[in-house]
């Protein structure tokens, strides 16, 4: 199963490391970890903190234990983040395929990514969110920016939110 929630990408992998360090070394419940993430990283609400906790887990920077969540000793390297995104985040394989086929004249945009993956949006997300199209367009934008953070996508110069395959593809 792949992760759906995708928080705003950080400005750098250093900021991702700061989020990881906000998770305790001693196991804590989900509620405890979310409260700690909110307090230490200034996250706006529990849902955002929970989304970060889930993503950090997919990236191998946090793990679940029988007693709760703990941060791992792993560093958020570009390679680790790329692997975590590829293997654990919904619609990454489809996005990477689109990026491979993209060019400077036909780059991938959030709108084109949404159009290409629209039918893959889980049915229950469509049913529970009256603005699911807007939500998933925003997610497409965040996904492209995450991929750009780790060189899987490269912004096209002179274009707003348009990408081609990055050097790490």
N, C-alpha and C. Protein backbone atom coordinates (compact mmCIF):
# COMPACT_ATOMS: atom_id res chain seq x y z
N UNK A 1 0.84 -1.18 0.00
CA UNK A 1 0.00 0.00 0.00
C UNK A 1 0.89 1.24 0.00
N UNK A 2 0.52 2.21 -0.79
CA UNK A 2 1.31 3.43 -0.91
C UNK A 2 0.66 4.57 -0.14
N UNK A 3 1.49 5.47 0.32
CA UNK A 3 1.07 6.61 1.13
C UNK A 3 0.39 7.66 0.26
N UNK A 4 -0.79 8.12 0.70
CA UNK A 4 -1.49 9.19 -0.01
C UNK A 4 -1.13 10.57 0.52
N UNK A 5 -1.16 10.78 1.84
CA UNK A 5 -0.88 12.14 2.33
C UNK A 5 0.54 12.56 1.93
N UNK A 6 0.65 13.80 1.51
CA UNK A 6 1.95 14.30 1.10
C UNK A 6 2.07 15.75 1.54
N UNK A 7 2.79 15.99 2.65
CA UNK A 7 2.92 17.37 3.13
C UNK A 7 3.72 18.23 2.17
N UNK A 8 3.67 19.53 2.41
CA UNK A 8 4.49 20.46 1.64
C UNK A 8 5.95 20.03 1.72
N UNK A 9 6.67 20.01 0.61
CA UNK A 9 8.08 19.64 0.70
C UNK A 9 8.87 20.70 1.46
N UNK A 10 9.88 20.26 2.19
CA UNK A 10 10.72 21.24 2.90
C UNK A 10 11.61 21.98 1.91
N UNK A 11 12.20 23.05 2.37
CA UNK A 11 13.10 23.84 1.52
C UNK A 11 14.38 23.08 1.21
N UNK A 12 14.75 22.15 2.11
CA UNK A 12 15.99 21.40 1.92
C UNK A 12 15.90 20.08 2.68
N UNK A 13 16.86 19.20 2.41
CA UNK A 13 16.91 17.96 3.17
C UNK A 13 17.31 18.22 4.61
N UNK A 14 17.99 19.33 4.86
CA UNK A 14 18.31 19.72 6.23
C UNK A 14 17.05 19.97 7.04
N UNK A 15 16.06 20.60 6.42
CA UNK A 15 14.79 20.83 7.10
C UNK A 15 14.06 19.51 7.35
N UNK A 16 14.25 18.54 6.45
CA UNK A 16 13.68 17.21 6.65
C UNK A 16 14.35 16.54 7.85
N UNK A 17 15.65 16.73 7.98
CA UNK A 17 16.37 16.19 9.15
C UNK A 17 15.85 16.81 10.44
N UNK A 18 15.51 18.10 10.41
CA UNK A 18 14.95 18.76 11.59
C UNK A 18 13.62 18.11 11.99
N UNK A 19 12.80 17.78 11.01
CA UNK A 19 11.54 17.09 11.30
C UNK A 19 11.81 15.72 11.90
N UNK A 20 12.76 15.01 11.34
CA UNK A 20 13.11 13.70 11.87
C UNK A 20 13.57 13.80 13.32
N UNK A 21 14.40 14.79 13.63
CA UNK A 21 14.91 14.95 15.00
C UNK A 21 13.81 15.32 15.99
N UNK A 22 12.68 15.80 15.50
CA UNK A 22 11.57 16.12 16.40
C UNK A 22 10.84 14.87 16.89
N UNK A 23 11.07 13.73 16.23
CA UNK A 23 10.49 12.46 16.67
C UNK A 23 11.41 11.90 17.75
N UNK A 24 10.85 11.38 18.84
CA UNK A 24 11.69 10.94 19.97
C UNK A 24 12.54 9.71 19.66
N UNK A 25 13.62 9.56 20.42
CA UNK A 25 14.44 8.35 20.37
C UNK A 25 13.82 7.24 21.21
N UNK A 26 13.05 7.63 22.21
CA UNK A 26 12.32 6.68 23.05
C UNK A 26 10.91 6.57 22.47
N UNK A 27 10.41 5.35 22.27
CA UNK A 27 9.10 5.21 21.61
C UNK A 27 8.01 6.06 22.24
N UNK A 28 7.22 6.66 21.36
CA UNK A 28 6.09 7.47 21.79
C UNK A 28 4.86 7.12 20.97
N UNK A 29 3.69 7.29 21.55
CA UNK A 29 2.45 7.00 20.84
C UNK A 29 2.32 7.97 19.66
N UNK A 30 1.40 7.66 18.78
CA UNK A 30 1.15 8.55 17.65
C UNK A 30 0.77 9.94 18.15
N UNK A 31 -0.11 9.99 19.15
CA UNK A 31 -0.52 11.29 19.69
C UNK A 31 0.66 12.06 20.26
N UNK A 32 1.52 11.36 21.02
CA UNK A 32 2.70 12.00 21.59
C UNK A 32 3.63 12.52 20.50
N UNK A 33 3.86 11.70 19.49
CA UNK A 33 4.77 12.11 18.40
C UNK A 33 4.19 13.28 17.62
N UNK A 34 2.91 13.24 17.36
CA UNK A 34 2.27 14.35 16.64
C UNK A 34 2.36 15.64 17.45
N UNK A 35 2.10 15.55 18.75
CA UNK A 35 2.20 16.73 19.61
C UNK A 35 3.63 17.27 19.61
N UNK A 36 4.58 16.38 19.67
CA UNK A 36 5.99 16.81 19.67
C UNK A 36 6.38 17.44 18.35
N UNK A 37 5.95 16.87 17.24
CA UNK A 37 6.22 17.46 15.92
C UNK A 37 5.60 18.85 15.82
N UNK A 38 4.37 18.98 16.28
CA UNK A 38 3.70 20.29 16.23
C UNK A 38 4.46 21.31 17.05
N UNK A 39 4.84 20.92 18.25
CA UNK A 39 5.51 21.85 19.16
C UNK A 39 6.90 22.24 18.65
N UNK A 40 7.67 21.25 18.23
CA UNK A 40 9.07 21.51 17.86
C UNK A 40 9.25 22.05 16.45
N UNK A 41 8.30 21.77 15.56
CA UNK A 41 8.45 22.21 14.17
C UNK A 41 7.39 23.21 13.77
N UNK A 42 6.55 23.60 14.69
CA UNK A 42 5.56 24.64 14.41
C UNK A 42 4.51 24.22 13.40
N UNK A 43 4.13 22.96 13.41
CA UNK A 43 3.13 22.49 12.46
C UNK A 43 1.74 22.97 12.91
N UNK A 44 0.87 23.27 11.95
CA UNK A 44 -0.40 23.93 12.29
C UNK A 44 -1.43 23.08 13.00
N UNK A 45 -1.41 21.76 12.76
CA UNK A 45 -2.45 20.92 13.36
C UNK A 45 -2.00 19.47 13.44
N UNK A 46 -2.80 18.67 14.13
CA UNK A 46 -2.44 17.27 14.33
C UNK A 46 -2.41 16.50 13.00
N UNK A 47 -3.34 16.80 12.09
CA UNK A 47 -3.37 16.08 10.81
C UNK A 47 -2.08 16.30 10.03
N UNK A 48 -1.58 17.52 10.00
CA UNK A 48 -0.32 17.80 9.31
C UNK A 48 0.82 17.03 9.97
N UNK A 49 0.83 17.01 11.30
CA UNK A 49 1.87 16.26 12.02
C UNK A 49 1.77 14.77 11.73
N UNK A 50 0.54 14.25 11.68
CA UNK A 50 0.34 12.85 11.37
C UNK A 50 0.80 12.52 9.94
N UNK A 51 0.53 13.43 9.01
CA UNK A 51 1.00 13.23 7.62
C UNK A 51 2.51 13.18 7.57
N UNK A 52 3.17 14.06 8.32
CA UNK A 52 4.63 14.05 8.37
C UNK A 52 5.15 12.76 8.99
N UNK A 53 4.53 12.32 10.05
CA UNK A 53 4.94 11.08 10.70
C UNK A 53 4.85 9.91 9.72
N UNK A 54 3.76 9.84 8.98
CA UNK A 54 3.58 8.78 7.99
C UNK A 54 4.65 8.86 6.89
N UNK A 55 4.92 10.07 6.40
CA UNK A 55 5.93 10.21 5.35
C UNK A 55 7.32 9.88 5.87
N UNK A 56 7.65 10.35 7.06
CA UNK A 56 8.96 10.03 7.63
C UNK A 56 9.13 8.51 7.76
N UNK A 57 8.06 7.82 8.06
CA UNK A 57 8.11 6.36 8.15
C UNK A 57 8.39 5.74 6.78
N UNK A 58 7.68 6.21 5.75
CA UNK A 58 7.89 5.70 4.40
C UNK A 58 9.33 5.95 3.93
N UNK A 59 9.89 7.07 4.36
CA UNK A 59 11.27 7.42 3.96
C UNK A 59 12.32 6.68 4.78
N UNK A 60 11.90 5.90 5.77
CA UNK A 60 12.84 5.15 6.60
C UNK A 60 13.51 6.00 7.67
N UNK A 61 12.94 7.17 7.96
CA UNK A 61 13.53 8.07 8.95
C UNK A 61 12.88 7.91 10.32
N UNK A 62 11.76 7.20 10.37
CA UNK A 62 11.03 6.90 11.59
C UNK A 62 10.55 5.47 11.45
N UNK A 63 10.46 4.76 12.56
CA UNK A 63 9.88 3.41 12.49
C UNK A 63 8.88 3.21 13.61
N UNK A 64 7.96 2.31 13.35
CA UNK A 64 6.96 1.95 14.35
C UNK A 64 7.48 0.78 15.16
N UNK A 65 7.28 0.85 16.47
CA UNK A 65 7.63 -0.25 17.36
C UNK A 65 6.35 -0.64 18.10
N UNK A 66 6.35 -1.74 18.83
CA UNK A 66 5.16 -2.09 19.61
C UNK A 66 4.77 -1.01 20.63
N UNK A 67 5.73 -0.18 21.03
CA UNK A 67 5.45 0.85 22.03
C UNK A 67 5.23 2.23 21.41
N UNK A 68 5.36 2.34 20.10
CA UNK A 68 5.15 3.63 19.45
C UNK A 68 6.22 3.93 18.42
N UNK A 69 6.30 5.18 18.02
CA UNK A 69 7.23 5.61 16.97
C UNK A 69 8.54 6.12 17.56
N UNK A 70 9.62 5.83 16.83
CA UNK A 70 10.94 6.34 17.18
C UNK A 70 11.63 6.78 15.90
N UNK A 71 12.55 7.72 16.03
CA UNK A 71 13.32 8.09 14.84
C UNK A 71 14.43 7.06 14.66
N UNK A 72 14.84 6.90 13.43
CA UNK A 72 15.92 5.96 13.11
C UNK A 72 17.23 6.72 13.07
N UNK A 73 18.29 5.98 12.93
CA UNK A 73 19.62 6.58 12.82
C UNK A 73 19.92 7.00 11.38
N UNK A 74 19.06 6.67 10.45
CA UNK A 74 19.27 6.97 9.03
C UNK A 74 19.23 8.47 8.79
N UNK A 75 20.08 8.93 7.90
CA UNK A 75 20.07 10.33 7.49
C UNK A 75 19.17 10.49 6.27
N UNK A 76 18.52 11.64 6.15
CA UNK A 76 17.67 11.88 4.98
C UNK A 76 18.50 12.28 3.76
N UNK A 77 19.23 11.32 3.22
CA UNK A 77 20.05 11.58 2.05
C UNK A 77 19.17 11.64 0.81
N UNK A 78 19.66 12.26 -0.25
CA UNK A 78 18.87 12.26 -1.49
C UNK A 78 18.50 10.85 -1.94
N UNK A 79 19.46 9.93 -1.85
CA UNK A 79 19.20 8.56 -2.29
C UNK A 79 18.09 7.92 -1.45
N UNK A 80 18.15 8.06 -0.14
CA UNK A 80 17.13 7.48 0.75
C UNK A 80 15.75 8.08 0.45
N UNK A 81 15.70 9.39 0.28
CA UNK A 81 14.41 10.04 0.03
C UNK A 81 13.88 9.61 -1.34
N UNK A 82 14.76 9.53 -2.34
CA UNK A 82 14.32 9.07 -3.67
C UNK A 82 13.72 7.67 -3.57
N UNK A 83 14.43 6.76 -2.89
CA UNK A 83 13.94 5.38 -2.77
C UNK A 83 12.61 5.33 -2.03
N UNK A 84 12.49 6.09 -0.94
CA UNK A 84 11.25 6.10 -0.18
C UNK A 84 10.09 6.62 -1.00
N UNK A 85 10.33 7.69 -1.76
CA UNK A 85 9.27 8.24 -2.61
C UNK A 85 8.87 7.23 -3.68
N UNK A 86 9.88 6.64 -4.34
CA UNK A 86 9.61 5.67 -5.41
C UNK A 86 8.80 4.48 -4.91
N UNK A 87 9.18 3.97 -3.75
CA UNK A 87 8.59 2.73 -3.26
C UNK A 87 7.33 2.91 -2.43
N UNK A 88 7.15 4.09 -1.83
CA UNK A 88 6.08 4.18 -0.86
C UNK A 88 5.04 5.26 -1.02
N UNK A 89 5.15 6.11 -2.05
CA UNK A 89 4.20 7.21 -2.18
C UNK A 89 3.34 7.01 -3.43
N UNK A 90 2.06 7.14 -3.23
CA UNK A 90 1.09 6.94 -4.30
C UNK A 90 1.35 7.86 -5.50
N UNK A 91 1.31 7.29 -6.67
CA UNK A 91 1.43 7.95 -7.98
C UNK A 91 2.85 8.38 -8.35
N UNK A 92 3.85 8.02 -7.55
CA UNK A 92 5.22 8.36 -7.93
C UNK A 92 5.65 7.60 -9.18
N UNK A 93 5.41 6.28 -9.29
CA UNK A 93 5.84 5.59 -10.52
C UNK A 93 5.22 6.21 -11.78
N UNK A 94 3.94 6.55 -11.72
CA UNK A 94 3.27 7.15 -12.86
C UNK A 94 3.87 8.53 -13.19
N UNK A 95 4.19 9.28 -12.15
CA UNK A 95 4.77 10.61 -12.35
C UNK A 95 6.15 10.50 -12.97
N UNK A 96 6.95 9.56 -12.49
CA UNK A 96 8.29 9.38 -13.06
C UNK A 96 8.22 8.97 -14.52
N UNK A 97 7.25 8.16 -14.88
CA UNK A 97 7.06 7.77 -16.27
C UNK A 97 6.72 8.99 -17.13
N UNK A 98 5.83 9.83 -16.63
CA UNK A 98 5.48 11.06 -17.36
C UNK A 98 6.70 11.97 -17.50
N UNK A 99 7.49 12.09 -16.44
CA UNK A 99 8.68 12.94 -16.49
C UNK A 99 9.69 12.42 -17.51
N UNK A 100 9.83 11.09 -17.62
CA UNK A 100 10.77 10.52 -18.60
C UNK A 100 10.36 10.88 -20.03
N UNK A 101 9.06 10.97 -20.25
CA UNK A 101 8.54 11.28 -21.59
C UNK A 101 8.44 12.79 -21.85
N UNK A 102 8.66 13.59 -20.82
CA UNK A 102 8.49 15.04 -20.94
C UNK A 102 9.67 15.67 -21.68
N UNK A 103 9.43 16.85 -22.21
CA UNK A 103 10.49 17.64 -22.84
C UNK A 103 10.29 19.10 -22.47
N UNK A 104 11.23 19.92 -22.86
CA UNK A 104 11.11 21.34 -22.58
C UNK A 104 9.89 21.97 -23.22
N UNK A 105 9.45 21.41 -24.32
CA UNK A 105 8.26 21.96 -24.98
C UNK A 105 6.96 21.35 -24.44
N UNK A 106 7.05 20.15 -23.87
CA UNK A 106 5.87 19.53 -23.25
C UNK A 106 6.24 19.00 -21.86
N UNK A 107 6.50 19.90 -20.92
CA UNK A 107 6.86 19.47 -19.57
C UNK A 107 5.63 18.98 -18.80
N UNK A 108 5.89 18.37 -17.66
CA UNK A 108 4.82 17.92 -16.78
C UNK A 108 4.47 19.07 -15.84
N UNK A 109 3.20 19.38 -15.77
CA UNK A 109 2.70 20.41 -14.85
C UNK A 109 1.77 19.73 -13.85
N UNK A 110 1.44 20.40 -12.76
CA UNK A 110 0.45 19.81 -11.85
C UNK A 110 -0.86 19.46 -12.57
N UNK A 111 -1.29 20.32 -13.47
CA UNK A 111 -2.53 20.06 -14.20
C UNK A 111 -2.40 18.83 -15.11
N UNK A 112 -1.29 18.71 -15.81
CA UNK A 112 -1.13 17.55 -16.70
C UNK A 112 -0.93 16.26 -15.90
N UNK A 113 -0.25 16.36 -14.76
CA UNK A 113 -0.10 15.19 -13.90
C UNK A 113 -1.47 14.76 -13.35
N UNK A 114 -2.26 15.71 -12.90
CA UNK A 114 -3.59 15.37 -12.41
C UNK A 114 -4.42 14.73 -13.53
N UNK A 115 -4.40 15.31 -14.71
CA UNK A 115 -5.18 14.75 -15.82
C UNK A 115 -4.76 13.31 -16.13
N UNK A 116 -3.45 13.05 -16.07
CA UNK A 116 -2.95 11.72 -16.39
C UNK A 116 -3.24 10.69 -15.29
N UNK A 117 -3.40 11.14 -14.06
CA UNK A 117 -3.58 10.21 -12.94
C UNK A 117 -4.97 10.29 -12.31
N UNK A 118 -5.83 11.09 -12.86
CA UNK A 118 -7.17 11.33 -12.31
C UNK A 118 -7.92 10.03 -12.00
N UNK A 119 -7.86 9.08 -12.90
CA UNK A 119 -8.59 7.82 -12.71
C UNK A 119 -7.98 6.96 -11.61
N UNK A 120 -6.77 7.28 -11.18
CA UNK A 120 -6.11 6.53 -10.10
C UNK A 120 -6.42 7.07 -8.71
N UNK A 121 -7.11 8.20 -8.65
CA UNK A 121 -7.49 8.75 -7.34
C UNK A 121 -8.46 7.78 -6.69
N UNK A 122 -8.16 7.35 -5.47
CA UNK A 122 -9.04 6.37 -4.82
C UNK A 122 -10.49 6.85 -4.75
N UNK A 123 -11.40 5.93 -4.99
CA UNK A 123 -12.82 6.21 -5.03
C UNK A 123 -13.32 6.85 -3.73
N UNK A 124 -12.81 6.37 -2.59
CA UNK A 124 -13.29 6.91 -1.32
C UNK A 124 -12.83 8.36 -1.11
N UNK A 125 -11.71 8.76 -1.72
CA UNK A 125 -11.28 10.16 -1.64
C UNK A 125 -12.24 11.05 -2.43
N UNK A 126 -12.68 10.55 -3.55
CA UNK A 126 -13.64 11.30 -4.36
C UNK A 126 -14.96 11.47 -3.62
N UNK A 127 -15.38 10.41 -2.93
CA UNK A 127 -16.68 10.42 -2.27
C UNK A 127 -16.70 11.32 -1.03
N UNK A 128 -15.60 11.37 -0.31
CA UNK A 128 -15.63 12.11 0.96
C UNK A 128 -15.22 13.57 0.85
N UNK A 129 -14.59 13.95 -0.26
CA UNK A 129 -14.12 15.33 -0.42
C UNK A 129 -14.82 15.96 -1.61
N UNK A 130 -15.73 16.91 -1.36
CA UNK A 130 -16.44 17.54 -2.48
C UNK A 130 -15.49 18.31 -3.41
N UNK A 131 -14.34 18.70 -2.91
CA UNK A 131 -13.35 19.40 -3.72
C UNK A 131 -12.15 18.49 -4.01
N UNK A 132 -12.41 17.21 -4.26
CA UNK A 132 -11.32 16.26 -4.43
C UNK A 132 -10.42 16.62 -5.61
N UNK A 133 -10.98 17.17 -6.66
CA UNK A 133 -10.15 17.54 -7.81
C UNK A 133 -9.14 18.61 -7.42
N UNK A 134 -9.56 19.63 -6.71
CA UNK A 134 -8.64 20.66 -6.26
C UNK A 134 -7.60 20.11 -5.30
N UNK A 135 -8.04 19.24 -4.40
CA UNK A 135 -7.13 18.63 -3.44
C UNK A 135 -6.05 17.81 -4.16
N UNK A 136 -6.46 17.04 -5.15
CA UNK A 136 -5.49 16.20 -5.85
C UNK A 136 -4.63 17.00 -6.84
N UNK A 137 -5.13 18.10 -7.35
CA UNK A 137 -4.27 18.99 -8.16
C UNK A 137 -3.18 19.58 -7.27
N UNK A 138 -3.56 19.98 -6.06
CA UNK A 138 -2.56 20.50 -5.11
C UNK A 138 -1.56 19.42 -4.74
N UNK A 139 -2.04 18.19 -4.57
CA UNK A 139 -1.13 17.09 -4.25
C UNK A 139 -0.16 16.86 -5.42
N UNK A 140 -0.66 16.97 -6.65
CA UNK A 140 0.22 16.81 -7.83
C UNK A 140 1.33 17.86 -7.81
N UNK A 141 0.99 19.07 -7.45
CA UNK A 141 1.99 20.14 -7.34
C UNK A 141 3.03 19.80 -6.27
N UNK A 142 2.56 19.36 -5.10
CA UNK A 142 3.49 19.00 -4.03
C UNK A 142 4.38 17.83 -4.44
N UNK A 143 3.78 16.85 -5.12
CA UNK A 143 4.54 15.68 -5.56
C UNK A 143 5.67 16.08 -6.50
N UNK A 144 5.38 16.93 -7.46
CA UNK A 144 6.42 17.38 -8.39
C UNK A 144 7.53 18.14 -7.65
N UNK A 145 7.15 18.94 -6.68
CA UNK A 145 8.17 19.67 -5.91
C UNK A 145 9.00 18.74 -5.03
N UNK A 146 8.40 17.68 -4.48
CA UNK A 146 9.17 16.67 -3.74
C UNK A 146 10.19 16.01 -4.67
N UNK A 147 9.74 15.64 -5.87
CA UNK A 147 10.65 14.99 -6.82
C UNK A 147 11.77 15.93 -7.23
N UNK A 148 11.48 17.21 -7.36
CA UNK A 148 12.52 18.19 -7.69
C UNK A 148 13.52 18.35 -6.54
N UNK A 149 13.05 18.23 -5.32
CA UNK A 149 13.92 18.35 -4.15
C UNK A 149 15.06 17.33 -4.18
N UNK A 150 14.78 16.15 -4.74
CA UNK A 150 15.80 15.09 -4.77
C UNK A 150 16.26 14.76 -6.19
N UNK A 151 16.14 15.73 -7.09
CA UNK A 151 16.67 15.62 -8.46
C UNK A 151 16.01 14.57 -9.34
N UNK A 152 14.81 14.13 -8.99
CA UNK A 152 14.08 13.24 -9.88
C UNK A 152 13.29 14.04 -10.91
N UNK A 153 13.08 15.31 -10.62
CA UNK A 153 12.44 16.23 -11.55
C UNK A 153 13.27 17.51 -11.57
N UNK A 154 13.19 18.19 -12.69
CA UNK A 154 13.92 19.46 -12.82
C UNK A 154 12.97 20.51 -13.35
N UNK A 155 12.89 21.64 -12.66
CA UNK A 155 12.01 22.70 -13.17
C UNK A 155 12.48 23.19 -14.53
N UNK A 156 11.53 23.48 -15.39
CA UNK A 156 11.83 24.04 -16.70
C UNK A 156 12.00 25.54 -16.51
N UNK A 157 13.09 26.06 -16.99
CA UNK A 157 13.32 27.50 -16.82
C UNK A 157 12.22 28.29 -17.52
N UNK A 158 11.92 29.44 -16.98
CA UNK A 158 10.91 30.34 -17.52
C UNK A 158 9.49 29.75 -17.51
N UNK A 159 9.29 28.69 -16.77
CA UNK A 159 7.95 28.12 -16.68
C UNK A 159 7.58 27.97 -15.21
N UNK A 160 6.36 28.26 -14.91
CA UNK A 160 5.89 28.14 -13.54
C UNK A 160 5.32 26.74 -13.32
N UNK A 161 5.91 26.01 -12.38
CA UNK A 161 5.43 24.68 -12.01
C UNK A 161 5.41 23.72 -13.21
N UNK A 162 6.47 23.70 -13.97
CA UNK A 162 6.60 22.78 -15.08
C UNK A 162 7.93 22.05 -14.95
N UNK A 163 7.91 20.73 -15.18
CA UNK A 163 9.08 19.92 -14.89
C UNK A 163 9.36 18.91 -16.00
N UNK A 164 10.64 18.54 -16.07
CA UNK A 164 11.10 17.43 -16.91
C UNK A 164 11.89 16.49 -15.98
N UNK A 165 12.36 15.39 -16.54
CA UNK A 165 13.13 14.44 -15.73
C UNK A 165 14.38 15.10 -15.18
N UNK A 166 14.69 14.77 -13.94
CA UNK A 166 15.88 15.31 -13.30
C UNK A 166 17.10 14.44 -13.54
N UNK A 167 18.23 14.89 -13.05
CA UNK A 167 19.50 14.17 -13.25
C UNK A 167 19.55 12.83 -12.54
N UNK A 168 18.77 12.64 -11.49
CA UNK A 168 18.83 11.41 -10.71
C UNK A 168 17.88 10.32 -11.23
N UNK A 169 17.23 10.59 -12.34
CA UNK A 169 16.31 9.59 -12.90
C UNK A 169 17.11 8.41 -13.34
